[in-house]
Amino acid sequence: MEKLEEQIAHLTRTVEDLSDIVARQEGEIATLTRRVVMLMQREGERESQQSGGMVIGDERPPHY
């Protein structure tokens, strides 16, 4: 019985540690997503100012 209690305690600790890691990663992913969106907007603005045309992010390159 004592061995099972030790295993449960270990598994509980592992689940808590993993939960903390996932929560931290969720915040990091949200930050990175915002940065990517910001960089895409900046690049789109830069390209549209240089070429004078409209840049569409999902547009296929001409070689397709």
PDB file of N, CA and C in Angstrom:
ATOM      1  N   MET A   1       0.825  -1.186   0.000  1.00  0.00           N
ATOM      2  CA  MET A   1       0.000   0.000   0.000  1.00  0.00           C
ATOM      3  C   MET A   1       0.880   1.266   0.000  1.00  0.00           C
ATOM      4  N   GLU A   2       1.946   1.205   0.770  1.00  0.00           N
ATOM      5  CA  GLU A   2       2.851   2.361   0.852  1.00  0.00           C
ATOM      6  C   GLU A   2       3.500   2.658  -0.504  1.00  0.00           C
ATOM      7  N   LYS A   3       3.847   1.599  -1.233  1.00  0.00           N
ATOM      8  CA  LYS A   3       4.450   1.769  -2.558  1.00  0.00           C
ATOM      9  C   LYS A   3       3.475   2.464  -3.506  1.00  0.00           C
ATOM     10  N   LEU A   4       2.202   2.110  -3.448  1.00  0.00           N
ATOM     11  CA  LEU A   4       1.193   2.756  -4.290  1.00  0.00           C
ATOM     12  C   LEU A   4       1.043   4.231  -3.932  1.00  0.00           C
ATOM     13  N   GLU A   5       1.075   4.531  -2.658  1.00  0.00           N
ATOM     14  CA  GLU A   5       0.982   5.926  -2.233  1.00  0.00           C
ATOM     15  C   GLU A   5       2.172   6.736  -2.750  1.00  0.00           C
ATOM     16  N   GLU A   6       3.353   6.138  -2.735  1.00  0.00           N
ATOM     17  CA  GLU A   6       4.547   6.802  -3.262  1.00  0.00           C
ATOM     18  C   GLU A   6       4.410   7.044  -4.763  1.00  0.00           C
ATOM     19  N   GLN A   7       3.909   6.047  -5.470  1.00  0.00           N
ATOM     20  CA  GLN A   7       3.725   6.187  -6.912  1.00  0.00           C
ATOM     21  C   GLN A   7       2.700   7.280  -7.229  1.00  0.00           C
ATOM     22  N   ILE A   8       1.622   7.309  -6.480  1.00  0.00           N
ATOM     23  CA  ILE A   8       0.596   8.340  -6.683  1.00  0.00           C
ATOM     24  C   ILE A   8       1.178   9.721  -6.406  1.00  0.00           C
ATOM     25  N   ALA A   9       1.954   9.842  -5.353  1.00  0.00           N
ATOM     26  CA  ALA A   9       2.574  11.122  -5.027  1.00  0.00           C
ATOM     27  C   ALA A   9       3.525  11.554  -6.149  1.00  0.00           C
ATOM     28  N   HIS A  10       4.302  10.612  -6.655  1.00  0.00           N
ATOM     29  CA  HIS A  10       5.232  10.907  -7.746  1.00  0.00           C
ATOM     30  C   HIS A  10       4.473  11.334  -9.002  1.00  0.00           C
ATOM     31  N   LEU A  11       3.423  10.594  -9.355  1.00  0.00           N
ATOM     32  CA  LEU A  11       2.636  10.919 -10.537  1.00  0.00           C
ATOM     33  C   LEU A  11       1.926  12.270 -10.384  1.00  0.00           C
ATOM     34  N   THR A  12       1.457  12.558  -9.197  1.00  0.00           N
ATOM     35  CA  THR A  12       0.801  13.840  -8.939  1.00  0.00           C
ATOM     36  C   THR A  12       1.792  14.985  -9.141  1.00  0.00           C
ATOM     37  N   ARG A  13       2.979  14.812  -8.625  1.00  0.00           N
ATOM     38  CA  ARG A  13       4.024  15.824  -8.790  1.00  0.00           C
ATOM     39  C   ARG A  13       4.370  16.009 -10.275  1.00  0.00           C
ATOM     40  N   THR A  14       4.482  14.898 -10.992  1.00  0.00           N
ATOM     41  CA  THR A  14       4.804  14.959 -12.418  1.00  0.00           C
ATOM     42  C   THR A  14       3.711  15.692 -13.188  1.00  0.00           C
ATOM     43  N   VAL A  15       2.457  15.408 -12.890  1.00  0.00           N
ATOM     44  CA  VAL A  15       1.341  16.076 -13.557  1.00  0.00           C
ATOM     45  C   VAL A  15       1.367  17.574 -13.261  1.00  0.00           C
ATOM     46  N   GLU A  16       1.643  17.957 -12.036  1.00  0.00           N
ATOM     47  CA  GLU A  16       1.716  19.379 -11.679  1.00  0.00           C
ATOM     48  C   GLU A  16       2.858  20.068 -12.415  1.00  0.00           C
ATOM     49  N   ASP A  17       4.011  19.395 -12.483  1.00  0.00           N
ATOM     50  CA  ASP A  17       5.158  19.961 -13.209  1.00  0.00           C
ATOM     51  C   ASP A  17       4.834  20.143 -14.688  1.00  0.00           C
ATOM     52  N   LEU A  18       4.215  19.134 -15.290  1.00  0.00           N
ATOM     53  CA  LEU A  18       3.857  19.221 -16.697  1.00  0.00           C
ATOM     54  C   LEU A  18       2.806  20.303 -16.942  1.00  0.00           C
ATOM     55  N   SER A  19       1.891  20.453 -16.026  1.00  0.00           N
ATOM     56  CA  SER A  19       0.878  21.496 -16.149  1.00  0.00           C
ATOM     57  C   SER A  19       1.528  22.876 -16.135  1.00  0.00           C
ATOM     58  N   ASP A  20       2.506  23.071 -15.262  1.00  0.00           N
ATOM     59  CA  ASP A  20       3.227  24.346 -15.207  1.00  0.00           C
ATOM     60  C   ASP A  20       3.973  24.604 -16.516  1.00  0.00           C
ATOM     61  N   ILE A  21       4.589  23.568 -17.045  1.00  0.00           N
ATOM     62  CA  ILE A  21       5.337  23.706 -18.297  1.00  0.00           C
ATOM     63  C   ILE A  21       4.395  24.077 -19.443  1.00  0.00           C
ATOM     64  N   VAL A  22       3.256  23.396 -19.521  1.00  0.00           N
ATOM     65  CA  VAL A  22       2.292  23.678 -20.587  1.00  0.00           C
ATOM     66  C   VAL A  22       1.758  25.108 -20.456  1.00  0.00           C
ATOM     67  N   ALA A  23       1.487  25.548 -19.255  1.00  0.00           N
ATOM     68  CA  ALA A  23       0.993  26.913 -19.053  1.00  0.00           C
ATOM     69  C   ALA A  23       2.037  27.938 -19.495  1.00  0.00           C
ATOM     70  N   ARG A  24       3.290  27.697 -19.173  1.00  0.00           N
ATOM     71  CA  ARG A  24       4.366  28.607 -19.584  1.00  0.00           C
ATOM     72  C   ARG A  24       4.500  28.621 -21.109  1.00  0.00           C
ATOM     73  N   GLN A  25       4.442  27.442 -21.709  1.00  0.00           N
ATOM     74  CA  GLN A  25       4.566  27.349 -23.158  1.00  0.00           C
ATOM     75  C   GLN A  25       3.393  28.040 -23.857  1.00  0.00           C
ATOM     76  N   GLU A  26       2.227  27.978 -23.280  1.00  0.00           N
ATOM     77  CA  GLU A  26       1.063  28.655 -23.856  1.00  0.00           C
ATOM     78  C   GLU A  26       1.305  30.160 -23.921  1.00  0.00           C
ATOM     79  N   GLY A  27       1.867  30.716 -22.862  1.00  0.00           N
ATOM     80  CA  GLY A  27       2.195  32.140 -22.853  1.00  0.00           C
ATOM     81  C   GLY A  27       3.266  32.482 -23.878  1.00  0.00           C
ATOM     82  N   GLU A  28       4.277  31.633 -23.984  1.00  0.00           N
ATOM     83  CA  GLU A  28       5.350  31.865 -24.956  1.00  0.00           C
ATOM     84  C   GLU A  28       4.820  31.787 -26.389  1.00  0.00           C
ATOM     85  N   ILE A  29       3.945  30.829 -26.650  1.00  0.00           N
ATOM     86  CA  ILE A  29       3.365  30.695 -27.988  1.00  0.00           C
ATOM     87  C   ILE A  29       2.523  31.922 -28.317  1.00  0.00           C
ATOM     88  N   ALA A  30       1.751  32.411 -27.374  1.00  0.00           N
ATOM     89  CA  ALA A  30       0.932  33.600 -27.612  1.00  0.00           C
ATOM     90  C   ALA A  30       1.817  34.804 -27.924  1.00  0.00           C
ATOM     91  N   THR A  31       2.909  34.958 -27.186  1.00  0.00           N
ATOM     92  CA  THR A  31       3.840  36.062 -27.436  1.00  0.00           C
ATOM     93  C   THR A  31       4.463  35.940 -28.815  1.00  0.00           C
ATOM     94  N   LEU A  32       4.913  34.750 -29.160  1.00  0.00           N
ATOM     95  CA  LEU A  32       5.536  34.534 -30.463  1.00  0.00           C
ATOM     96  C   LEU A  32       4.540  34.747 -31.602  1.00  0.00           C
ATOM     97  N   THR A  33       3.300  34.336 -31.406  1.00  0.00           N
ATOM     98  CA  THR A  33       2.273  34.535 -32.424  1.00  0.00           C
ATOM     99  C   THR A  33       2.046  36.021 -32.664  1.00  0.00           C
ATOM    100  N   ARG A  34       1.965  36.803 -31.583  1.00  0.00           N
ATOM    101  CA  ARG A  34       1.794  38.258 -31.734  1.00  0.00           C
ATOM    102  C   ARG A  34       2.980  38.863 -32.474  1.00  0.00           C
ATOM    103  N   ARG A  35       4.181  38.400 -32.164  1.00  0.00           N
ATOM    104  CA  ARG A  35       5.368  38.935 -32.835  1.00  0.00           C
ATOM    105  C   ARG A  35       5.379  38.596 -34.320  1.00  0.00           C
ATOM    106  N   VAL A  36       4.988  37.374 -34.665  1.00  0.00           N
ATOM    107  CA  VAL A  36       4.954  36.975 -36.070  1.00  0.00           C
ATOM    108  C   VAL A  36       3.928  37.822 -36.826  1.00  0.00           C
ATOM    109  N   VAL A  37       2.764  38.030 -36.244  1.00  0.00           N
ATOM    110  CA  VAL A  37       1.739  38.864 -36.885  1.00  0.00           C
ATOM    111  C   VAL A  37       2.272  40.275 -37.090  1.00  0.00           C
ATOM    112  N   MET A  38       2.922  40.819 -36.080  1.00  0.00           N
ATOM    113  CA  MET A  38       3.476  42.170 -36.179  1.00  0.00           C
ATOM    114  C   MET A  38       4.533  42.231 -37.288  1.00  0.00           C
ATOM    115  N   LEU A  39       5.417  41.241 -37.346  1.00  0.00           N
ATOM    116  CA  LEU A  39       6.456  41.226 -38.378  1.00  0.00           C
ATOM    117  C   LEU A  39       5.863  41.070 -39.772  1.00  0.00           C
ATOM    118  N   MET A  40       4.827  40.253 -39.902  1.00  0.00           N
ATOM    119  CA  MET A  40       4.177  40.098 -41.199  1.00  0.00           C
ATOM    120  C   MET A  40       3.529  41.413 -41.638  1.00  0.00           C
ATOM    121  N   GLN A  41       2.924  42.113 -40.703  1.00  0.00           N
ATOM    122  CA  GLN A  41       2.315  43.404 -41.039  1.00  0.00           C
ATOM    123  C   GLN A  41       3.384  44.403 -41.460  1.00  0.00           C
ATOM    124  N   ARG A  42       4.469  44.446 -40.713  1.00  0.00           N
ATOM    125  CA  ARG A  42       5.564  45.361 -41.065  1.00  0.00           C
ATOM    126  C   ARG A  42       6.124  45.052 -42.449  1.00  0.00           C
ATOM    127  N   GLU A  43       6.341  43.771 -42.718  1.00  0.00           N
ATOM    128  CA  GLU A  43       6.891  43.377 -44.012  1.00  0.00           C
ATOM    129  C   GLU A  43       5.906  43.702 -45.127  1.00  0.00           C
ATOM    130  N   GLY A  44       4.631  43.462 -44.893  1.00  0.00           N
ATOM    131  CA  GLY A  44       3.621  43.791 -45.887  1.00  0.00           C
ATOM    132  C   GLY A  44       3.591  45.281 -46.188  1.00  0.00           C
ATOM    133  N   GLU A  45       3.687  46.088 -45.148  1.00  0.00           N
ATOM    134  CA  GLU A  45       3.708  47.542 -45.329  1.00  0.00           C
ATOM    135  C   GLU A  45       4.969  47.968 -46.081  1.00  0.00           C
ATOM    136  N   ARG A  46       6.083  47.369 -45.726  1.00  0.00           N
ATOM    137  CA  ARG A  46       7.345  47.715 -46.389  1.00  0.00           C
ATOM    138  C   ARG A  46       7.295  47.354 -47.868  1.00  0.00           C
ATOM    139  N   GLU A  47       6.809  46.164 -48.176  1.00  0.00           N
ATOM    140  CA  GLU A  47       6.729  45.736 -49.571  1.00  0.00           C
ATOM    141  C   GLU A  47       5.744  46.573 -50.369  1.00  0.00           C
ATOM    142  N   SER A  48       4.624  46.924 -49.759  1.00  0.00           N
ATOM    143  CA  SER A  48       3.640  47.720 -50.494  1.00  0.00           C
ATOM    144  C   SER A  48       4.150  49.135 -50.741  1.00  0.00           C
ATOM    145  N   GLN A  49       4.978  49.654 -49.859  1.00  0.00           N
ATOM    146  CA  GLN A  49       5.548  50.981 -50.061  1.00  0.00           C
ATOM    147  C   GLN A  49       6.603  50.957 -51.161  1.00  0.00           C
ATOM    148  N   GLN A  50       7.337  49.869 -51.271  1.00  0.00           N
ATOM    149  CA  GLN A  50       8.387  49.768 -52.282  1.00  0.00           C
ATOM    150  C   GLN A  50       7.820  49.506 -53.666  1.00  0.00           C
ATOM    151  N   SER A  51       6.869  48.588 -53.776  1.00  0.00           N
ATOM    152  CA  SER A  51       6.373  48.193 -55.084  1.00  0.00           C
ATOM    153  C   SER A  51       5.159  49.001 -55.511  1.00  0.00           C
ATOM    154  N   GLY A  52       4.529  49.657 -54.580  1.00  0.00           N
ATOM    155  CA  GLY A  52       3.334  50.417 -54.900  1.00  0.00           C
ATOM    156  C   GLY A  52       2.108  49.541 -55.077  1.00  0.00           C
ATOM    157  N   GLY A  53       2.240  48.234 -54.921  1.00  0.00           N
ATOM    158  CA  GLY A  53       1.120  47.318 -55.090  1.00  0.00           C
ATOM    159  C   GLY A  53       0.609  46.814 -53.762  1.00  0.00           C
ATOM    160  N   MET A  54      -0.426  46.024 -53.833  1.00  0.00           N
ATOM    161  CA  MET A  54      -1.028  45.458 -52.626  1.00  0.00           C
ATOM    162  C   MET A  54      -0.435  44.074 -52.377  1.00  0.00           C
ATOM    163  N   VAL A  55      -0.024  43.794 -51.151  1.00  0.00           N
ATOM    164  CA  VAL A  55       0.565  42.503 -50.809  1.00  0.00           C
ATOM    165  C   VAL A  55      -0.486  41.677 -50.099  1.00  0.00           C
ATOM    166  N   ILE A  56      -0.695  40.477 -50.596  1.00  0.00           N
ATOM    167  CA  ILE A  56      -1.642  39.559 -49.978  1.00  0.00           C
ATOM    168  C   ILE A  56      -0.847  38.371 -49.479  1.00  0.00           C
ATOM    169  N   GLY A  57      -0.955  38.079 -48.176  1.00  0.00           N
ATOM    170  CA  GLY A  57      -0.146  37.036 -47.557  1.00  0.00           C
ATOM    171  C   GLY A  57      -0.372  35.644 -48.111  1.00  0.00           C
ATOM    172  N   ASP A  58      -1.591  35.332 -48.557  1.00  0.00           N
ATOM    173  CA  ASP A  58      -1.883  33.981 -49.045  1.00  0.00           C
ATOM    174  C   ASP A  58      -1.730  33.862 -50.556  1.00  0.00           C
ATOM    175  N   GLU A  59      -1.246  34.891 -51.210  1.00  0.00           N
ATOM    176  CA  GLU A  59      -1.107  34.887 -52.662  1.00  0.00           C
ATOM    177  C   GLU A  59       0.025  33.944 -53.069  1.00  0.00           C
ATOM    178  N   ARG A  60      -0.206  33.139 -54.096  1.00  0.00           N
ATOM    179  CA  ARG A  60       0.815  32.200 -54.578  1.00  0.00           C
ATOM    180  C   ARG A  60       1.879  32.959 -55.360  1.00  0.00           C
ATOM    181  N   PRO A  61       3.106  32.543 -55.270  1.00  0.00           N
ATOM    182  CA  PRO A  61       4.167  33.157 -56.077  1.00  0.00           C
ATOM    183  C   PRO A  61       3.886  32.906 -57.553  1.00  0.00           C
ATOM    184  N   PRO A  62       4.424  33.742 -58.425  1.00  0.00           N
ATOM    185  CA  PRO A  62       4.144  33.632 -59.855  1.00  0.00           C
ATOM    186  C   PRO A  62       4.599  32.324 -60.508  1.00  0.00           C
ATOM    187  N   HIS A  63       5.561  31.607 -59.934  1.00  0.00           N
ATOM    188  CA  HIS A  63       6.059  30.392 -60.558  1.00  0.00           C
ATOM    189  C   HIS A  63       5.168  29.190 -60.343  1.00  0.00           C
ATOM    190  N   TYR A  64       4.044  29.307 -59.624  1.00  0.00           N
ATOM    191  CA  TYR A  64       3.136  28.173 -59.414  1.00  0.00           C
ATOM    192  C   TYR A  64       2.206  28.005 -60.571  1.00  0.00           C
TER     193      TYR A  64
END
